[in-house]
Each structure stands twice: as C-alpha cells, then as structure tokens.
N, C-alpha and C. Protein backbone atom coordinates (compact mmCIF):
# COMPACT_ATOMS: atom_id res chain seq x y z
N UNK A 1 5.16 -24.20 16.53
CA UNK A 1 5.54 -23.32 16.22
C UNK A 1 6.69 -22.40 17.14
N UNK A 2 6.83 -21.50 16.33
CA UNK A 2 8.67 -21.10 17.17
C UNK A 2 8.14 -19.25 17.66
N UNK A 3 8.92 -18.63 18.27
CA UNK A 3 9.02 -17.53 18.62
C UNK A 3 8.97 -16.64 17.50
N UNK A 4 7.91 -15.59 17.23
CA UNK A 4 8.54 -14.67 16.53
C UNK A 4 9.11 -13.34 17.26
N UNK A 5 10.24 -13.01 16.45
CA UNK A 5 11.02 -11.90 17.06
C UNK A 5 10.91 -10.77 15.86
N UNK A 6 11.28 -9.37 16.39
CA UNK A 6 11.03 -8.28 15.80
C UNK A 6 11.94 -7.22 16.22
N UNK A 7 12.51 -6.62 14.80
CA UNK A 7 13.94 -6.00 15.44
C UNK A 7 13.52 -4.28 14.67
N UNK A 8 13.53 -3.00 15.06
CA UNK A 8 13.41 -2.16 14.55
C UNK A 8 14.64 -2.12 13.43
N UNK A 9 14.29 -1.48 11.73
CA UNK A 9 15.36 -1.74 10.63
C UNK A 9 15.86 -0.26 10.48
N UNK A 10 17.06 -0.18 9.66
CA UNK A 10 17.60 1.04 9.60
C UNK A 10 17.25 1.18 8.52
N UNK A 11 15.66 0.93 8.07
CA UNK A 11 16.20 1.85 6.41
C UNK A 11 15.75 3.16 6.06
N UNK A 12 16.43 3.88 5.81
CA UNK A 12 16.00 4.96 5.57
C UNK A 12 14.86 5.85 4.87
N UNK A 13 14.29 5.45 3.99
CA UNK A 13 13.34 5.58 3.18
C UNK A 13 12.06 5.80 3.66
N UNK A 14 11.51 4.77 4.54
CA UNK A 14 10.26 4.82 4.97
C UNK A 14 10.35 5.31 6.18
N UNK A 15 8.68 5.56 6.64
CA UNK A 15 8.53 6.36 7.38
C UNK A 15 9.24 5.57 8.90
N UNK A 16 8.81 4.18 8.56
CA UNK A 16 8.81 3.20 10.14
C UNK A 16 9.17 1.56 9.29
N UNK A 17 10.15 1.05 9.60
CA UNK A 17 10.48 -0.66 9.17
C UNK A 17 10.87 -1.23 10.49
N UNK A 18 10.78 -2.60 10.18
CA UNK A 18 11.07 -3.62 11.20
C UNK A 18 11.52 -5.21 10.51
N UNK A 19 12.45 -6.02 11.21
CA UNK A 19 12.36 -7.12 10.34
C UNK A 19 11.76 -7.52 11.44
N UNK A 20 10.96 -9.13 10.63
CA UNK A 20 10.57 -9.95 11.61
C UNK A 20 10.96 -11.49 11.49
N UNK A 21 11.21 -11.90 12.53
CA UNK A 21 11.74 -13.44 12.19
C UNK A 21 10.89 -14.27 13.10
N UNK A 22 11.31 -15.45 12.51
CA UNK A 22 10.69 -17.15 13.06
C UNK A 22 11.12 -17.96 12.57
N UNK A 23 12.06 -18.74 13.31
CA UNK A 23 13.11 -19.92 12.88
C UNK A 23 13.90 -19.13 11.86
N UNK A 24 14.05 -19.52 10.69
CA UNK A 24 14.97 -19.30 9.80
C UNK A 24 14.23 -18.40 8.67
N UNK A 25 13.30 -17.74 9.05
CA UNK A 25 11.94 -17.43 7.88
C UNK A 25 12.61 -15.65 8.99
N UNK A 26 12.79 -14.86 7.30
CA UNK A 26 13.03 -13.57 7.47
C UNK A 26 11.95 -12.53 6.70
N UNK A 27 11.36 -11.67 7.42
CA UNK A 27 10.65 -10.64 6.38
C UNK A 27 11.05 -9.28 6.85
N UNK A 28 11.11 -8.35 5.80
CA UNK A 28 11.51 -7.12 6.43
C UNK A 28 10.13 -6.51 6.00
N UNK A 29 9.92 -5.33 7.19
CA UNK A 29 8.53 -4.57 6.22
C UNK A 29 8.82 -3.19 6.72
N UNK A 30 8.14 -2.34 6.37
CA UNK A 30 8.44 -0.80 5.38
C UNK A 30 7.32 0.20 5.43
N UNK A 31 6.91 0.76 6.42
CA UNK A 31 5.24 1.68 5.62
C UNK A 31 5.81 3.46 5.71
N UNK A 32 4.96 3.48 4.91
CA UNK A 32 4.98 4.62 4.41
C UNK A 32 3.90 5.59 4.86
N UNK A 33 3.63 6.77 4.95
CA UNK A 33 2.42 7.00 5.29
C UNK A 33 2.19 7.88 6.65
N UNK A 34 1.02 8.24 6.77
CA UNK A 34 0.73 8.88 5.61
C UNK A 34 0.68 9.70 4.37
N UNK A 35 0.31 9.72 3.07
CA UNK A 35 0.50 10.15 2.13
C UNK A 35 -0.19 10.53 1.11
N UNK A 36 0.21 10.63 -0.28
CA UNK A 36 -0.98 11.45 -0.41
C UNK A 36 -1.63 9.82 -1.90
N UNK A 37 -2.70 9.32 -1.63
CA UNK A 37 -3.57 8.18 -2.27
C UNK A 37 -3.71 9.05 -3.92
N UNK A 38 -4.12 8.03 -4.73
CA UNK A 38 -4.12 8.08 -6.13
C UNK A 38 -5.62 8.45 -5.99
N UNK A 39 -6.46 9.25 -6.53
CA UNK A 39 -7.75 9.63 -6.79
C UNK A 39 -8.40 8.53 -7.08
N UNK A 40 -8.49 7.36 -8.08
CA UNK A 40 -9.07 6.19 -8.20
C UNK A 40 -9.04 5.26 -6.62
N UNK A 41 -8.41 5.75 -5.75
CA UNK A 41 -8.14 4.58 -4.64
C UNK A 41 -9.10 5.44 -2.98
N UNK A 42 -9.03 6.65 -3.53
CA UNK A 42 -8.88 7.74 -2.10
C UNK A 42 -10.38 7.33 -2.01
N UNK A 43 -10.44 7.40 0.07
CA UNK A 43 -11.90 6.95 0.51
C UNK A 43 -12.08 8.31 1.32
N UNK A 44 -13.11 9.16 1.35
CA UNK A 44 -13.07 10.25 1.76
C UNK A 44 -13.21 9.94 3.54
N UNK A 45 -13.69 8.98 4.25
CA UNK A 45 -13.63 8.82 5.12
C UNK A 45 -12.53 8.56 5.95
N UNK A 46 -12.13 7.41 5.09
CA UNK A 46 -10.79 7.18 6.10
C UNK A 46 -9.59 6.77 4.99
N UNK A 47 -8.75 6.54 5.21
CA UNK A 47 -7.61 6.33 4.64
C UNK A 47 -7.33 5.17 3.99
N UNK A 48 -6.62 4.84 2.98
CA UNK A 48 -6.51 3.58 2.35
C UNK A 48 -5.39 3.00 3.01
N UNK A 49 -5.20 2.08 2.91
CA UNK A 49 -4.37 0.51 3.15
C UNK A 49 -3.68 -0.09 2.19
N UNK A 50 -2.56 0.22 1.69
CA UNK A 50 -2.03 -0.39 0.40
C UNK A 50 -1.29 -1.92 0.72
N UNK A 51 -1.37 -2.48 0.51
CA UNK A 51 -0.15 -3.70 1.13
C UNK A 51 0.85 -4.33 0.01
N UNK A 52 2.11 -4.22 0.05
CA UNK A 52 2.63 -5.53 -1.13
C UNK A 52 3.74 -6.17 -0.61
N UNK A 53 3.32 -7.30 -0.75
CA UNK A 53 4.28 -8.69 -0.98
C UNK A 53 5.28 -9.28 -1.14
N UNK A 54 6.12 -8.72 -1.42
CA UNK A 54 7.54 -9.57 -2.48
C UNK A 54 8.28 -10.70 -2.40
N UNK A 55 7.72 -11.50 -2.73
CA UNK A 55 8.70 -12.75 -2.36
C UNK A 55 9.89 -12.97 -2.64
N UNK A 56 10.36 -14.30 -1.88
CA UNK A 56 12.25 -13.60 -2.23
C UNK A 56 12.60 -14.21 -3.54
N UNK A 57 11.99 -14.96 -4.16
CA UNK A 57 12.17 -15.01 -5.56
C UNK A 57 10.88 -15.12 -6.41
N UNK A 58 11.11 -14.31 -8.30
CA UNK A 58 10.11 -14.19 -8.81
C UNK A 58 9.25 -13.34 -8.58
N UNK A 59 7.94 -13.28 -9.49
CA UNK A 59 6.50 -12.59 -9.54
C UNK A 59 5.90 -12.89 -8.52
N UNK A 60 4.73 -12.06 -7.81
CA UNK A 60 3.82 -12.45 -6.76
C UNK A 60 2.76 -12.99 -7.74
N UNK A 61 2.17 -13.93 -6.93
CA UNK A 61 1.42 -15.00 -7.35
C UNK A 61 -0.17 -14.81 -7.05
N UNK A 62 -0.94 -15.80 -6.86
CA UNK A 62 -2.37 -15.81 -6.20
C UNK A 62 -1.66 -15.76 -4.89
N UNK A 63 -0.87 -16.85 -4.08
CA UNK A 63 -0.47 -16.77 -2.67
C UNK A 63 -0.24 -15.69 -2.19
N UNK A 64 0.81 -14.77 -2.91
CA UNK A 64 1.09 -13.55 -2.26
C UNK A 64 0.04 -12.22 -2.67
N UNK A 65 -0.73 -12.40 -3.58
CA UNK A 65 -1.97 -11.69 -3.05
C UNK A 65 -2.94 -11.97 -2.23
N UNK A 66 -3.39 -13.10 -1.56
CA UNK A 66 -3.90 -13.33 -1.01
C UNK A 66 -3.33 -12.79 0.78
N UNK A 67 -2.03 -13.65 0.72
CA UNK A 67 -1.45 -13.30 1.94
C UNK A 67 -1.59 -11.50 2.40
N UNK A 68 -1.50 -10.34 0.98
CA UNK A 68 -1.30 -8.99 1.07
C UNK A 68 -3.06 -8.63 1.88
N UNK A 69 -3.63 -9.30 1.10
CA UNK A 69 -5.42 -8.92 1.37
C UNK A 69 -5.70 -9.44 3.28
N UNK A 70 -4.85 -10.30 3.43
CA UNK A 70 -5.40 -10.64 4.69
C UNK A 70 -4.24 -10.22 5.96
N UNK A 71 -3.35 -9.60 5.40
CA UNK A 71 -2.42 -8.27 5.88
C UNK A 71 -3.38 -7.00 5.97
N UNK A 72 -3.51 -6.31 5.19
CA UNK A 72 -4.15 -5.16 4.71
C UNK A 72 -5.55 -5.20 5.60
N UNK A 73 -6.54 -6.58 5.61
CA UNK A 73 -7.29 -6.11 6.76
C UNK A 73 -7.16 -6.32 7.96
N UNK A 74 -5.67 -6.80 8.50
CA UNK A 74 -5.64 -6.49 9.97
C UNK A 74 -4.69 -5.00 10.23
N UNK A 75 -4.05 -4.50 9.57
CA UNK A 75 -3.80 -3.45 9.50
C UNK A 75 -4.59 -2.18 9.58
N UNK A 76 -5.94 -2.69 8.71
CA UNK A 76 -7.21 -1.43 8.69
C UNK A 76 -7.57 -1.47 10.06
N UNK A 77 -7.80 -3.09 10.94
CA UNK A 77 -8.49 -3.19 12.14
C UNK A 77 -7.34 -2.18 13.19
N UNK A 78 -5.92 -1.98 12.76
CA UNK A 78 -5.34 -1.95 13.82
C UNK A 78 -5.01 -0.26 13.75
N UNK A 79 -5.17 -0.04 12.67
CA UNK A 79 -4.42 1.08 12.16
C UNK A 79 -5.40 2.33 12.42
N UNK A 80 -5.43 3.53 12.71
CA UNK A 80 -7.04 4.90 12.93
C UNK A 80 -6.70 4.89 12.24
N UNK A 81 -7.51 4.73 10.78
CA UNK A 81 -7.67 5.08 9.70
C UNK A 81 -8.68 6.41 9.40
N UNK A 82 -9.21 6.43 10.67
CA UNK A 82 -10.66 7.70 10.48
C UNK A 82 -9.79 8.91 10.54
N UNK A 83 -8.39 8.97 11.27
CA UNK A 83 -8.01 10.52 11.63
C UNK A 83 -7.20 10.92 10.46
N UNK A 84 -6.81 9.71 9.27
CA UNK A 84 -6.19 10.36 8.02
C UNK A 84 -7.50 10.47 6.98
N UNK A 85 -8.16 10.99 6.80
CA UNK A 85 -9.19 10.46 5.79
C UNK A 85 -8.29 11.00 4.50
N UNK A 86 -9.20 10.51 3.32
CA UNK A 86 -8.06 11.07 1.52
C UNK A 86 -6.51 10.53 1.99
N UNK A 87 -5.85 9.85 2.50
CA UNK A 87 -4.41 9.26 2.36
C UNK A 87 -4.16 8.01 2.21
N UNK A 88 -3.03 7.69 2.26
CA UNK A 88 -3.10 6.40 1.91
C UNK A 88 -1.37 6.24 3.07
N UNK A 89 -1.51 5.09 3.38
CA UNK A 89 -0.70 3.94 4.48
C UNK A 89 -0.21 2.85 3.57
N UNK A 90 1.01 2.91 2.99
CA UNK A 90 1.66 1.66 2.18
C UNK A 90 2.48 0.75 3.14
N UNK A 91 2.24 -0.49 2.65
CA UNK A 91 3.22 -1.61 4.06
C UNK A 91 3.76 -1.97 2.64
N UNK A 92 5.25 -2.22 2.61
CA UNK A 92 5.73 -3.46 1.63
C UNK A 92 6.07 -4.09 2.44
N UNK A 93 6.19 -5.41 2.14
CA UNK A 93 7.36 -6.60 2.75
C UNK A 93 7.81 -7.50 2.01
N UNK A 94 9.05 -7.90 2.35
CA UNK A 94 10.11 -8.15 1.55
C UNK A 94 10.27 -9.73 1.95
N UNK A 95 9.92 -10.55 1.32
CA UNK A 95 10.87 -11.81 2.46
C UNK A 95 11.96 -11.75 2.01
N UNK A 96 12.59 -12.52 2.59
CA UNK A 96 14.33 -11.78 2.41
C UNK A 96 14.88 -13.74 2.77
N UNK A 97 14.05 -15.15 3.50
CA UNK A 97 14.62 -15.91 3.06
C UNK A 97 12.96 -16.76 4.15
N UNK A 98 12.43 -17.32 3.95
CA UNK A 98 11.59 -18.49 3.81
C UNK A 98 11.60 -19.76 4.05
N UNK A 99 11.29 -20.10 5.21
CA UNK A 99 11.85 -22.07 5.73
C UNK A 99 10.47 -22.52 6.40
N UNK A 100 9.37 -21.95 5.55
CA UNK A 100 7.59 -22.71 5.81
C UNK A 100 7.04 -21.19 6.60
N UNK A 101 7.67 -20.86 7.55
CA UNK A 101 7.02 -19.80 8.43
C UNK A 101 6.06 -18.43 7.38
N UNK A 102 6.04 -18.16 6.55
CA UNK A 102 5.42 -17.43 6.37
C UNK A 102 4.30 -17.99 5.29
N UNK A 103 3.89 -19.44 5.06
CA UNK A 103 2.51 -19.68 4.86
C UNK A 103 1.19 -19.13 5.88
N UNK A 104 0.23 -19.26 5.54
CA UNK A 104 -0.80 -18.72 6.33
C UNK A 104 -1.64 -19.80 6.29
C-alpha cells in the first residue's frame, strides 16, 4: 500500500475540493453544503449526507454504490451533522485514474 497524498483543488463551484493520489490512482472530491435538502430526504435532527461516486468510464454499478455507502457512513461520523439540521451535504467523487487503489 502506497502513501495517500492530498492536494487542495482549484475547482471553483464547490464549497471545497481536493485531489487524492495513491500511486497512479487519482480521485477528485468536491463538497457542497450545507445546502437545501429535498423534502423526501430531510432529517429534522441532522444534516443529510449524500455521496456520488462517478467512475472514470461508464455508469455507476453495484460496486460504486457500495463505495458511496461506505464513504457516506465515514463522512457522517466525521461531520458535525447535528449542527445543520434539515440541510444536505453533497460529496461528489470523480475517478480520474484507477490503477487498482480505488478498490475497497
């Protein structure tokens, strides 16, 4: 396992962004929020965390949905969701290059 490196990204639209590297694997992450949440996903006591993982090629499948679930669970533990009830935090991950390090 190689060291994971992280650099702030210069994406202009998200509230925060970073590029992660492990070997030849590269993933760009963007965070939006807290923002308005869809009524169907609203939680009255905490923020809703939504994660979207976009593979380099093709449409997301079961493996990507599993990655989204694990990342969502990790981020919900790390974020102070109780400070922003009835809002959403959206995290978008774009796989740029996969040399095997994106596997969980």
